[in-house]
Amino acid sequence: MATQQLLPRPLVEAPVPSDQSELQDSVGSSSLTGWISFALMHIAALGVFFVGWSWPAVAMMVAMYVLRMFAITGFYHRYFSHRSFKTSRWLQFGFALLGASSCQQGPLWWAAHHRHHHKFSDQPEDLHSPRQKGFWYSHIAWVVQPQNHVVDYKKIPDFAKYPELVWLDKYHMVAPVALGLLMLGLGALLQPLGTHSLQMLFWGFFASTVLLWHGTFTINSLSHVFGSQRYDTGDDSRNNPLFALLTLGEGWHNNHHFYMTSTRQGFYWWEFDITFYGLWLMSKLGLVWDLKKVPAHIKARHKQ
């Protein structure tokens, strides 16, 4: 029996919203609100210096960074944005929920904006190009601009037809709030190991989220400035092994901009791509399938 037959099929699909009034999500309506929220998260992360540390708390910070980075890189990016593999509807929503817990809004918002970025990469229409608007705008400021809080479902109709994803985009803050409460509960349960609720919250949620933000934002900003260009993509995308390490493989950014539909962004064996390794393992378990490869003729088209 085929793997696809063993996995849940899509249920009743919702029509793509057409009224722009339906496109607003739950983010604040002003850039000031966005900046305040951004600042408060960073201030909260400094709480790690006041609650002490323990090995369980540090391990949770690392685990939540890696797990949520994988949800962003593997699913928000390679799945929702580029459809580089297939999966079941249940797993699709599960990783969308995990990605939303990273405080990077919902999968439809994220993927729609990313598709726009590829269409206009480093051109005036690009929302986060360091060439056009400088480092700080491309790294942080574009996220808090109120005009960028709108989800244009017309840019992602293939996934906007799923009502649960539309719901998650509108109420994406449910996920990080739930994760914060989970950290508090785990801290209470793990007190025999030398940690406590506030310690787990500040290390496992706040500090982990801030590190995750800047890891992700680095690809928008620094990966269009520092590194090498194997391919002529018409933009400033770069390959950078350090950024690839920090983001589980996203640092092979010039590769990705040259052939964005590949599941693997490290085109060669020495270009480590932890996200791809995870997706490959999931494919062996029947959880994902139809991983898209890089054709040999694409690899060969590097700059002379």
C-alpha atoms as a PDB file:
ATOM      1  CA  MET A   1       0.000   0.000   0.000  1.00  0.00           C
ATOM      2  CA  ALA A   2       1.367   3.422  -0.903  1.00  0.00           C
ATOM      3  CA  THR A   3       2.506   5.702   1.893  1.00  0.00           C
ATOM      4  CA  GLN A   4       0.078   8.376   0.785  1.00  0.00           C
ATOM      5  CA  GLN A   5      -2.828   5.991   1.284  1.00  0.00           C
ATOM      6  CA  LEU A   6      -1.824   5.455   4.913  1.00  0.00           C
ATOM      7  CA  LEU A   7      -1.952   9.147   5.751  1.00  0.00           C
ATOM      8  CA  PRO A   8      -5.013  11.351   6.289  1.00  0.00           C
ATOM      9  CA  ARG A   9      -6.545  13.021   3.265  1.00  0.00           C
ATOM     10  CA  PRO A  10      -7.649  16.676   3.225  1.00  0.00           C
ATOM     11  CA  LEU A  11     -11.075  17.280   4.713  1.00  0.00           C
ATOM     12  CA  VAL A  12     -13.530  19.885   3.409  1.00  0.00           C
ATOM     13  CA  GLU A  13     -11.516  22.794   2.054  1.00  0.00           C
ATOM     14  CA  ALA A  14     -12.443  26.418   2.685  1.00  0.00           C
ATOM     15  CA  PRO A  15     -12.666  28.922  -0.165  1.00  0.00           C
ATOM     16  CA  VAL A  16      -9.835  31.409  -0.505  1.00  0.00           C
ATOM     17  CA  PRO A  17     -10.916  34.679   1.175  1.00  0.00           C
ATOM     18  CA  SER A  18     -11.420  37.455  -1.334  1.00  0.00           C
ATOM     19  CA  ASP A  19     -12.263  40.436   0.872  1.00  0.00           C
ATOM     20  CA  GLN A  20      -9.152  42.335   1.942  1.00  0.00           C
ATOM     21  CA  SER A  21     -10.922  43.119   5.228  1.00  0.00           C
ATOM     22  CA  GLU A  22     -10.522  39.426   6.032  1.00  0.00           C
ATOM     23  CA  LEU A  23      -6.790  39.593   5.495  1.00  0.00           C
ATOM     24  CA  GLN A  24      -5.912  41.361   8.745  1.00  0.00           C
ATOM     25  CA  ASP A  25      -4.356  39.181  11.412  1.00  0.00           C
ATOM     26  CA  SER A  26      -4.153  39.791  15.143  1.00  0.00           C
ATOM     27  CA  VAL A  27      -0.945  41.845  15.102  1.00  0.00           C
ATOM     28  CA  GLY A  28      -1.146  45.442  16.372  1.00  0.00           C
ATOM     29  CA  SER A  29      -2.060  48.106  13.857  1.00  0.00           C
ATOM     30  CA  SER A  30       0.908  50.407  14.372  1.00  0.00           C
ATOM     31  CA  SER A  31       4.656  50.112  14.046  1.00  0.00           C
ATOM     32  CA  LEU A  32       4.968  51.491  17.603  1.00  0.00           C
ATOM     33  CA  THR A  33       3.051  48.495  18.910  1.00  0.00           C
ATOM     34  CA  GLY A  34       5.362  46.227  16.952  1.00  0.00           C
ATOM     35  CA  TRP A  35       8.501  47.881  18.302  1.00  0.00           C
ATOM     36  CA  ILE A  36       7.194  47.719  21.868  1.00  0.00           C
ATOM     37  CA  SER A  37       6.429  44.001  21.510  1.00  0.00           C
ATOM     38  CA  PHE A  38       9.840  43.394  19.970  1.00  0.00           C
ATOM     39  CA  ALA A  39      11.598  45.292  22.764  1.00  0.00           C
ATOM     40  CA  LEU A  40       9.626  43.558  25.516  1.00  0.00           C
ATOM     41  CA  MET A  41      10.607  40.129  24.197  1.00  0.00           C
ATOM     42  CA  HIS A  42      14.284  41.101  24.317  1.00  0.00           C
ATOM     43  CA  ILE A  43      13.907  42.549  27.816  1.00  0.00           C
ATOM     44  CA  ALA A  44      12.176  39.363  28.945  1.00  0.00           C
ATOM     45  CA  ALA A  45      15.053  37.298  27.532  1.00  0.00           C
ATOM     46  CA  LEU A  46      17.391  39.156  29.906  1.00  0.00           C
ATOM     47  CA  GLY A  47      15.450  37.489  32.697  1.00  0.00           C
ATOM     48  CA  VAL A  48      17.830  34.533  32.384  1.00  0.00           C
ATOM     49  CA  PHE A  49      20.346  36.597  34.380  1.00  0.00           C
ATOM     50  CA  PHE A  50      17.904  36.887  37.277  1.00  0.00           C
ATOM     51  CA  VAL A  51      16.410  33.387  37.486  1.00  0.00           C
ATOM     52  CA  GLY A  52      19.708  31.537  37.475  1.00  0.00           C
ATOM     53  CA  TRP A  53      20.543  28.611  35.245  1.00  0.00           C
ATOM     54  CA  SER A  54      20.475  24.836  35.281  1.00  0.00           C
ATOM     55  CA  TRP A  55      21.405  22.203  32.748  1.00  0.00           C
ATOM     56  CA  PRO A  56      17.737  21.271  32.138  1.00  0.00           C
ATOM     57  CA  ALA A  57      16.897  24.936  31.416  1.00  0.00           C
ATOM     58  CA  VAL A  58      19.831  25.376  29.025  1.00  0.00           C
ATOM     59  CA  ALA A  59      19.019  22.071  27.329  1.00  0.00           C
ATOM     60  CA  MET A  60      15.413  23.202  26.885  1.00  0.00           C
ATOM     61  CA  MET A  61      16.576  26.487  25.332  1.00  0.00           C
ATOM     62  CA  VAL A  62      18.697  24.596  22.797  1.00  0.00           C
ATOM     63  CA  ALA A  63      15.952  22.047  22.118  1.00  0.00           C
ATOM     64  CA  MET A  64      13.292  24.702  21.550  1.00  0.00           C
ATOM     65  CA  TYR A  65      15.648  26.630  19.273  1.00  0.00           C
ATOM     66  CA  VAL A  66      16.379  23.571  17.127  1.00  0.00           C
ATOM     67  CA  LEU A  67      12.813  22.214  17.028  1.00  0.00           C
ATOM     68  CA  ARG A  68      11.240  25.541  16.147  1.00  0.00           C
ATOM     69  CA  MET A  69      14.001  26.443  13.700  1.00  0.00           C
ATOM     70  CA  PHE A  70      13.258  23.137  11.941  1.00  0.00           C
ATOM     71  CA  ALA A  71       9.557  24.036  11.837  1.00  0.00           C
ATOM     72  CA  ILE A  72      10.448  27.389  10.243  1.00  0.00           C
ATOM     73  CA  THR A  73      13.088  26.135   7.802  1.00  0.00           C
ATOM     74  CA  GLY A  74      11.518  22.807   6.916  1.00  0.00           C
ATOM     75  CA  PHE A  75       7.843  23.755   6.863  1.00  0.00           C
ATOM     76  CA  TYR A  76       7.263  27.519   6.851  1.00  0.00           C
ATOM     77  CA  HIS A  77      10.002  27.874   4.232  1.00  0.00           C
ATOM     78  CA  ARG A  78      10.596  24.707   2.208  1.00  0.00           C
ATOM     79  CA  TYR A  79       7.032  23.390   2.449  1.00  0.00           C
ATOM     80  CA  PHE A  80       4.555  26.282   2.677  1.00  0.00           C
ATOM     81  CA  SER A  81       6.634  28.780   0.695  1.00  0.00           C
ATOM     82  CA  HIS A  82       8.130  26.497  -1.968  1.00  0.00           C
ATOM     83  CA  ARG A  83       6.238  23.180  -1.869  1.00  0.00           C
ATOM     84  CA  SER A  84       9.487  21.239  -2.113  1.00  0.00           C
ATOM     85  CA  PHE A  85       7.899  18.078  -0.669  1.00  0.00           C
ATOM     86  CA  LYS A  86       4.509  16.696   0.340  1.00  0.00           C
ATOM     87  CA  THR A  87       3.020  15.620   3.644  1.00  0.00           C
ATOM     88  CA  SER A  88      -0.311  14.820   5.284  1.00  0.00           C
ATOM     89  CA  ARG A  89      -2.777  17.447   6.394  1.00  0.00           C
ATOM     90  CA  TRP A  90      -2.290  16.487  10.029  1.00  0.00           C
ATOM     91  CA  LEU A  91       1.480  16.893   9.956  1.00  0.00           C
ATOM     92  CA  GLN A  92       1.084  20.064   7.899  1.00  0.00           C
ATOM     93  CA  PHE A  93      -0.947  21.634  10.710  1.00  0.00           C
ATOM     94  CA  GLY A  94       1.239  20.224  13.470  1.00  0.00           C
ATOM     95  CA  PHE A  95       4.388  21.851  12.142  1.00  0.00           C
ATOM     96  CA  ALA A  96       2.476  25.028  11.294  1.00  0.00           C
ATOM     97  CA  LEU A  97       1.476  25.197  14.968  1.00  0.00           C
ATOM     98  CA  LEU A  98       5.058  24.584  16.089  1.00  0.00           C
ATOM     99  CA  GLY A  99       6.290  27.261  13.693  1.00  0.00           C
ATOM    100  CA  ALA A 100       3.712  29.731  14.996  1.00  0.00           C
ATOM    101  CA  SER A 101       5.094  29.229  18.511  1.00  0.00           C
ATOM    102  CA  SER A 102       8.272  30.968  17.324  1.00  0.00           C
ATOM    103  CA  CYS A 103       6.406  34.322  17.261  1.00  0.00           C
ATOM    104  CA  GLN A 104       6.906  34.735  13.508  1.00  0.00           C
ATOM    105  CA  GLN A 105       3.162  34.867  12.832  1.00  0.00           C
ATOM    106  CA  GLY A 106       1.237  32.210  10.914  1.00  0.00           C
ATOM    107  CA  PRO A 107       2.360  30.020   8.001  1.00  0.00           C
ATOM    108  CA  LEU A 108       0.229  31.798   5.392  1.00  0.00           C
ATOM    109  CA  TRP A 109       1.560  35.227   6.349  1.00  0.00           C
ATOM    110  CA  TRP A 110       5.129  33.934   6.395  1.00  0.00           C
ATOM    111  CA  ALA A 111       4.939  32.040   3.102  1.00  0.00           C
ATOM    112  CA  ALA A 112       3.033  34.759   1.221  1.00  0.00           C
ATOM    113  CA  HIS A 113       5.651  37.346   2.149  1.00  0.00           C
ATOM    114  CA  HIS A 114       8.464  34.963   1.287  1.00  0.00           C
ATOM    115  CA  ARG A 115       7.038  34.250  -2.151  1.00  0.00           C
ATOM    116  CA  HIS A 116       6.852  38.009  -2.698  1.00  0.00           C
ATOM    117  CA  HIS A 117      10.519  38.268  -1.685  1.00  0.00           C
ATOM    118  CA  HIS A 118      11.585  35.729  -4.303  1.00  0.00           C
ATOM    119  CA  LYS A 119       9.580  37.457  -6.997  1.00  0.00           C
ATOM    120  CA  PHE A 120      11.261  40.811  -6.316  1.00  0.00           C
ATOM    121  CA  SER A 121      14.520  39.801  -4.627  1.00  0.00           C
ATOM    122  CA  ASP A 122      16.699  42.874  -3.964  1.00  0.00           C
ATOM    123  CA  GLN A 123      14.485  45.026  -6.159  1.00  0.00           C
ATOM    124  CA  PRO A 124      12.588  48.069  -4.834  1.00  0.00           C
ATOM    125  CA  GLU A 125       9.484  45.914  -4.221  1.00  0.00           C
ATOM    126  CA  ASP A 126      11.411  43.508  -1.962  1.00  0.00           C
ATOM    127  CA  LEU A 127      10.175  43.923   1.610  1.00  0.00           C
ATOM    128  CA  HIS A 128      13.500  43.112   3.279  1.00  0.00           C
ATOM    129  CA  SER A 129      16.384  43.842   0.940  1.00  0.00           C
ATOM    130  CA  PRO A 130      19.549  45.239   2.584  1.00  0.00           C
ATOM    131  CA  ARG A 131      20.519  46.618  -0.828  1.00  0.00           C
ATOM    132  CA  GLN A 132      17.358  48.711  -0.961  1.00  0.00           C
ATOM    133  CA  LYS A 133      16.758  49.699   2.674  1.00  0.00           C
ATOM    134  CA  GLY A 134      19.856  48.821   4.673  1.00  0.00           C
ATOM    135  CA  PHE A 135      20.722  46.204   7.266  1.00  0.00           C
ATOM    136  CA  TRP A 136      18.458  47.180  10.168  1.00  0.00           C
ATOM    137  CA  TYR A 137      15.342  47.497   8.050  1.00  0.00           C
ATOM    138  CA  SER A 138      15.927  44.145   6.337  1.00  0.00           C
ATOM    139  CA  HIS A 139      16.833  42.448   9.615  1.00  0.00           C
ATOM    140  CA  ILE A 140      14.137  43.789  11.939  1.00  0.00           C
ATOM    141  CA  ALA A 141      12.216  46.914  10.986  1.00  0.00           C
ATOM    142  CA  TRP A 142      10.238  45.500   8.069  1.00  0.00           C
ATOM    143  CA  VAL A 143       8.514  43.030  10.403  1.00  0.00           C
ATOM    144  CA  VAL A 144       6.973  45.723  12.608  1.00  0.00           C
ATOM    145  CA  GLN A 145       5.628  47.915   9.800  1.00  0.00           C
ATOM    146  CA  PRO A 146       1.797  47.870   9.895  1.00  0.00           C
ATOM    147  CA  GLN A 147       1.468  47.577   6.107  1.00  0.00           C
ATOM    148  CA  ASN A 148       3.355  44.270   6.312  1.00  0.00           C
ATOM    149  CA  HIS A 149       0.904  42.764   8.802  1.00  0.00           C
ATOM    150  CA  VAL A 150      -1.615  41.951   6.081  1.00  0.00           C
ATOM    151  CA  VAL A 151      -1.842  38.425   4.707  1.00  0.00           C
ATOM    152  CA  ASP A 152      -2.475  38.473   0.960  1.00  0.00           C
ATOM    153  CA  TYR A 153      -4.175  35.128   0.416  1.00  0.00           C
ATOM    154  CA  LYS A 154      -3.962  35.594  -3.349  1.00  0.00           C
ATOM    155  CA  LYS A 155      -0.245  34.902  -3.053  1.00  0.00           C
ATOM    156  CA  ILE A 156      -0.812  31.582  -1.329  1.00  0.00           C
ATOM    157  CA  PRO A 157      -4.161  30.143  -2.545  1.00  0.00           C
ATOM    158  CA  ASP A 158      -2.814  26.577  -2.448  1.00  0.00           C
ATOM    159  CA  PHE A 159      -2.714  26.636   1.369  1.00  0.00           C
ATOM    160  CA  ALA A 160      -5.280  29.355   2.113  1.00  0.00           C
ATOM    161  CA  LYS A 161      -7.961  26.818   1.172  1.00  0.00           C
ATOM    162  CA  TYR A 162      -7.379  25.024   4.495  1.00  0.00           C
ATOM    163  CA  PRO A 163      -9.572  26.605   7.207  1.00  0.00           C
ATOM    164  CA  GLU A 164      -7.331  25.461  10.044  1.00  0.00           C
ATOM    165  CA  LEU A 165      -4.362  27.316   8.526  1.00  0.00           C
ATOM    166  CA  VAL A 166      -6.454  30.471   8.054  1.00  0.00           C
ATOM    167  CA  TRP A 167      -7.526  30.157  11.699  1.00  0.00           C
ATOM    168  CA  LEU A 168      -3.922  29.741  12.840  1.00  0.00           C
ATOM    169  CA  ASP A 169      -2.875  32.818  10.881  1.00  0.00           C
ATOM    170  CA  LYS A 170      -5.573  34.909  12.558  1.00  0.00           C
ATOM    171  CA  TYR A 171      -4.886  33.562  16.045  1.00  0.00           C
ATOM    172  CA  HIS A 172      -1.180  32.778  15.769  1.00  0.00           C
ATOM    173  CA  MET A 173      -0.500  34.093  19.295  1.00  0.00           C
ATOM    174  CA  VAL A 174      -2.306  31.051  20.688  1.00  0.00           C
ATOM    175  CA  ALA A 175       0.776  28.953  19.922  1.00  0.00           C
ATOM    176  CA  PRO A 176       3.451  30.970  21.787  1.00  0.00           C
ATOM    177  CA  VAL A 177       1.128  31.516  24.758  1.00  0.00           C
ATOM    178  CA  ALA A 178       0.537  27.758  24.935  1.00  0.00           C
ATOM    179  CA  LEU A 179       4.277  27.115  24.698  1.00  0.00           C
ATOM    180  CA  GLY A 180       4.968  29.570  27.510  1.00  0.00           C
ATOM    181  CA  LEU A 181       2.434  27.824  29.727  1.00  0.00           C
ATOM    182  CA  LEU A 182       3.987  24.475  28.815  1.00  0.00           C
ATOM    183  CA  MET A 183       7.404  25.758  29.910  1.00  0.00           C
ATOM    184  CA  LEU A 184       5.952  26.831  33.259  1.00  0.00           C
ATOM    185  CA  GLY A 185       4.410  23.402  33.744  1.00  0.00           C
ATOM    186  CA  LEU A 186       7.567  21.542  32.760  1.00  0.00           C
ATOM    187  CA  GLY A 187       9.598  23.666  35.138  1.00  0.00           C
ATOM    188  CA  ALA A 188       7.338  22.640  37.995  1.00  0.00           C
ATOM    189  CA  LEU A 189       7.544  18.962  37.042  1.00  0.00           C
ATOM    190  CA  LEU A 190      11.324  19.014  36.659  1.00  0.00           C
ATOM    191  CA  GLN A 191      12.129  20.645  39.997  1.00  0.00           C
ATOM    192  CA  PRO A 192      13.850  17.443  41.201  1.00  0.00           C
ATOM    193  CA  LEU A 193      16.420  18.055  38.421  1.00  0.00           C
ATOM    194  CA  GLY A 194      17.318  21.460  39.810  1.00  0.00           C
ATOM    195  CA  THR A 195      15.177  23.788  37.735  1.00  0.00           C
ATOM    196  CA  HIS A 196      11.888  25.629  38.339  1.00  0.00           C
ATOM    197  CA  SER A 197       8.989  27.194  36.447  1.00  0.00           C
ATOM    198  CA  LEU A 198      10.341  30.718  35.881  1.00  0.00           C
ATOM    199  CA  GLN A 199      13.753  29.400  34.923  1.00  0.00           C
ATOM    200  CA  MET A 200      12.243  27.117  32.308  1.00  0.00           C
ATOM    201  CA  LEU A 201      10.024  29.928  30.993  1.00  0.00           C
ATOM    202  CA  PHE A 202      12.834  32.444  30.579  1.00  0.00           C
ATOM    203  CA  TRP A 203      15.369  30.005  29.115  1.00  0.00           C
ATOM    204  CA  GLY A 204      13.050  27.688  27.204  1.00  0.00           C
ATOM    205  CA  PHE A 205      10.750  30.345  25.769  1.00  0.00           C
ATOM    206  CA  PHE A 206      11.982  33.948  25.932  1.00  0.00           C
ATOM    207  CA  ALA A 207      15.724  33.455  25.358  1.00  0.00           C
ATOM    208  CA  SER A 208      15.138  30.683  22.844  1.00  0.00           C
ATOM    209  CA  THR A 209      12.665  32.821  20.883  1.00  0.00           C
ATOM    210  CA  VAL A 210      14.983  35.843  20.670  1.00  0.00           C
ATOM    211  CA  LEU A 211      17.856  33.664  19.435  1.00  0.00           C
ATOM    212  CA  LEU A 212      15.498  32.058  16.947  1.00  0.00           C
ATOM    213  CA  TRP A 213      14.355  35.441  15.669  1.00  0.00           C
ATOM    214  CA  HIS A 214      17.843  36.660  14.946  1.00  0.00           C
ATOM    215  CA  GLY A 215      18.886  33.351  13.427  1.00  0.00           C
ATOM    216  CA  THR A 216      15.965  33.542  11.009  1.00  0.00           C
ATOM    217  CA  PHE A 217      16.333  37.268  10.336  1.00  0.00           C
ATOM    218  CA  THR A 218      20.013  36.766   9.499  1.00  0.00           C
ATOM    219  CA  ILE A 219      19.010  35.027   6.277  1.00  0.00           C
ATOM    220  CA  ASN A 220      16.974  38.056   5.181  1.00  0.00           C
ATOM    221  CA  SER A 221      19.757  40.499   5.969  1.00  0.00           C
ATOM    222  CA  LEU A 222      23.320  39.185   6.272  1.00  0.00           C
ATOM    223  CA  SER A 223      22.843  36.344   3.767  1.00  0.00           C
ATOM    224  CA  HIS A 224      22.396  39.035   1.131  1.00  0.00           C
ATOM    225  CA  VAL A 225      25.675  40.693   2.176  1.00  0.00           C
ATOM    226  CA  PHE A 226      28.322  38.207   3.368  1.00  0.00           C
ATOM    227  CA  GLY A 227      29.385  35.020   1.587  1.00  0.00           C
ATOM    228  CA  SER A 228      30.071  33.641  -1.861  1.00  0.00           C
ATOM    229  CA  GLN A 229      27.961  33.523  -5.010  1.00  0.00           C
ATOM    230  CA  ARG A 230      28.166  30.278  -6.950  1.00  0.00           C
ATOM    231  CA  TYR A 231      25.291  31.184  -9.259  1.00  0.00           C
ATOM    232  CA  ASP A 232      24.236  34.321 -11.079  1.00  0.00           C
ATOM    233  CA  THR A 233      20.800  34.936  -9.568  1.00  0.00           C
ATOM    234  CA  GLY A 234      20.443  38.620 -10.374  1.00  0.00           C
ATOM    235  CA  ASP A 235      20.330  39.466  -6.660  1.00  0.00           C
ATOM    236  CA  ASP A 236      22.732  39.621  -3.706  1.00  0.00           C
ATOM    237  CA  SER A 237      22.024  36.176  -2.213  1.00  0.00           C
ATOM    238  CA  ARG A 238      25.115  34.496  -0.739  1.00  0.00           C
ATOM    239  CA  ASN A 239      26.244  31.078   0.463  1.00  0.00           C
ATOM    240  CA  ASN A 240      27.641  31.213   3.993  1.00  0.00           C
ATOM    241  CA  PRO A 241      28.548  28.071   5.996  1.00  0.00           C
ATOM    242  CA  LEU A 242      28.335  29.860   9.366  1.00  0.00           C
ATOM    243  CA  PHE A 243      24.783  31.007   8.678  1.00  0.00           C
ATOM    244  CA  ALA A 244      23.982  27.496   7.423  1.00  0.00           C
ATOM    245  CA  LEU A 245      25.113  26.093  10.769  1.00  0.00           C
ATOM    246  CA  LEU A 246      23.061  28.591  12.776  1.00  0.00           C
ATOM    247  CA  THR A 247      19.903  28.042  10.701  1.00  0.00           C
ATOM    248  CA  LEU A 248      20.055  24.289  10.050  1.00  0.00           C
ATOM    249  CA  GLY A 249      20.992  24.709   6.383  1.00  0.00           C
ATOM    250  CA  GLU A 250      19.385  27.972   5.289  1.00  0.00           C
ATOM    251  CA  GLY A 251      22.753  29.664   4.817  1.00  0.00           C
ATOM    252  CA  TRP A 252      23.211  28.126   1.351  1.00  0.00           C
ATOM    253  CA  HIS A 253      21.132  31.055   0.223  1.00  0.00           C
ATOM    254  CA  ASN A 254      22.590  31.618  -3.231  1.00  0.00           C
ATOM    255  CA  ASN A 255      21.913  27.956  -4.044  1.00  0.00           C
ATOM    256  CA  HIS A 256      18.348  28.406  -2.882  1.00  0.00           C
ATOM    257  CA  HIS A 257      17.706  31.561  -4.890  1.00  0.00           C
ATOM    258  CA  PHE A 258      19.015  29.824  -8.002  1.00  0.00           C
ATOM    259  CA  TYR A 259      16.787  26.741  -7.620  1.00  0.00           C
ATOM    260  CA  MET A 260      14.217  27.407  -4.923  1.00  0.00           C
ATOM    261  CA  THR A 261      12.073  24.282  -5.346  1.00  0.00           C
ATOM    262  CA  SER A 262      14.774  21.890  -4.128  1.00  0.00           C
ATOM    263  CA  THR A 263      14.180  20.313  -0.730  1.00  0.00           C
ATOM    264  CA  ARG A 264      17.927  20.357  -0.190  1.00  0.00           C
ATOM    265  CA  GLN A 265      19.622  23.748  -0.109  1.00  0.00           C
ATOM    266  CA  GLY A 266      23.136  22.413   0.366  1.00  0.00           C
ATOM    267  CA  PHE A 267      23.600  21.188  -3.189  1.00  0.00           C
ATOM    268  CA  TYR A 268      26.772  19.169  -2.504  1.00  0.00           C
ATOM    269  CA  TRP A 269      27.564  16.606   0.184  1.00  0.00           C
ATOM    270  CA  TRP A 270      29.965  18.956   1.975  1.00  0.00           C
ATOM    271  CA  GLU A 271      27.292  21.660   2.244  1.00  0.00           C
ATOM    272  CA  PHE A 272      25.674  20.496   5.477  1.00  0.00           C
ATOM    273  CA  ASP A 273      21.917  20.959   5.558  1.00  0.00           C
ATOM    274  CA  ILE A 274      20.456  19.732   8.834  1.00  0.00           C
ATOM    275  CA  THR A 275      16.911  20.607   7.791  1.00  0.00           C
ATOM    276  CA  PHE A 276      17.238  18.363   4.755  1.00  0.00           C
ATOM    277  CA  TYR A 277      18.659  15.521   6.860  1.00  0.00           C
ATOM    278  CA  GLY A 278      15.615  15.775   9.118  1.00  0.00           C
ATOM    279  CA  LEU A 279      13.197  15.794   6.190  1.00  0.00           C
ATOM    280  CA  TRP A 280      15.030  12.866   4.584  1.00  0.00           C
ATOM    281  CA  LEU A 281      14.658  10.880   7.816  1.00  0.00           C
ATOM    282  CA  MET A 282      10.970  11.781   7.961  1.00  0.00           C
ATOM    283  CA  SER A 283      10.596  10.549   4.375  1.00  0.00           C
ATOM    284  CA  LYS A 284      12.045   7.192   5.395  1.00  0.00           C
ATOM    285  CA  LEU A 285       9.406   7.027   8.125  1.00  0.00           C
ATOM    286  CA  GLY A 286       6.640   7.810   5.623  1.00  0.00           C
ATOM    287  CA  LEU A 287       5.814  11.174   7.197  1.00  0.00           C
ATOM    288  CA  VAL A 288       6.793  13.245   4.146  1.00  0.00           C
ATOM    289  CA  TRP A 289       7.359  12.249   0.532  1.00  0.00           C
ATOM    290  CA  ASP A 290       8.225  13.462  -2.967  1.00  0.00           C
ATOM    291  CA  LEU A 291      11.297  15.373  -1.838  1.00  0.00           C
ATOM    292  CA  LYS A 292      12.486  17.420  -4.810  1.00  0.00           C
ATOM    293  CA  LYS A 293      16.096  16.962  -5.885  1.00  0.00           C
ATOM    294  CA  VAL A 294      18.514  19.329  -7.591  1.00  0.00           C
ATOM    295  CA  PRO A 295      18.978  18.263 -11.241  1.00  0.00           C
ATOM    296  CA  ALA A 296      22.574  17.780 -12.370  1.00  0.00           C
ATOM    297  CA  HIS A 297      22.210  20.421 -15.072  1.00  0.00           C
ATOM    298  CA  ILE A 298      21.197  22.961 -12.420  1.00  0.00           C
ATOM    299  CA  LYS A 299      24.284  22.239 -10.329  1.00  0.00           C
ATOM    300  CA  ALA A 300      26.480  22.634 -13.393  1.00  0.00           C
ATOM    301  CA  ARG A 301      25.299  26.160 -14.172  1.00  0.00           C
ATOM    302  CA  HIS A 302      27.625  27.875 -11.706  1.00  0.00           C
ATOM    303  CA  LYS A 303      29.431  31.093 -12.560  1.00  0.00           C
ATOM    304  CA  GLN A 304      32.695  30.722 -14.460  1.00  0.00           C
END
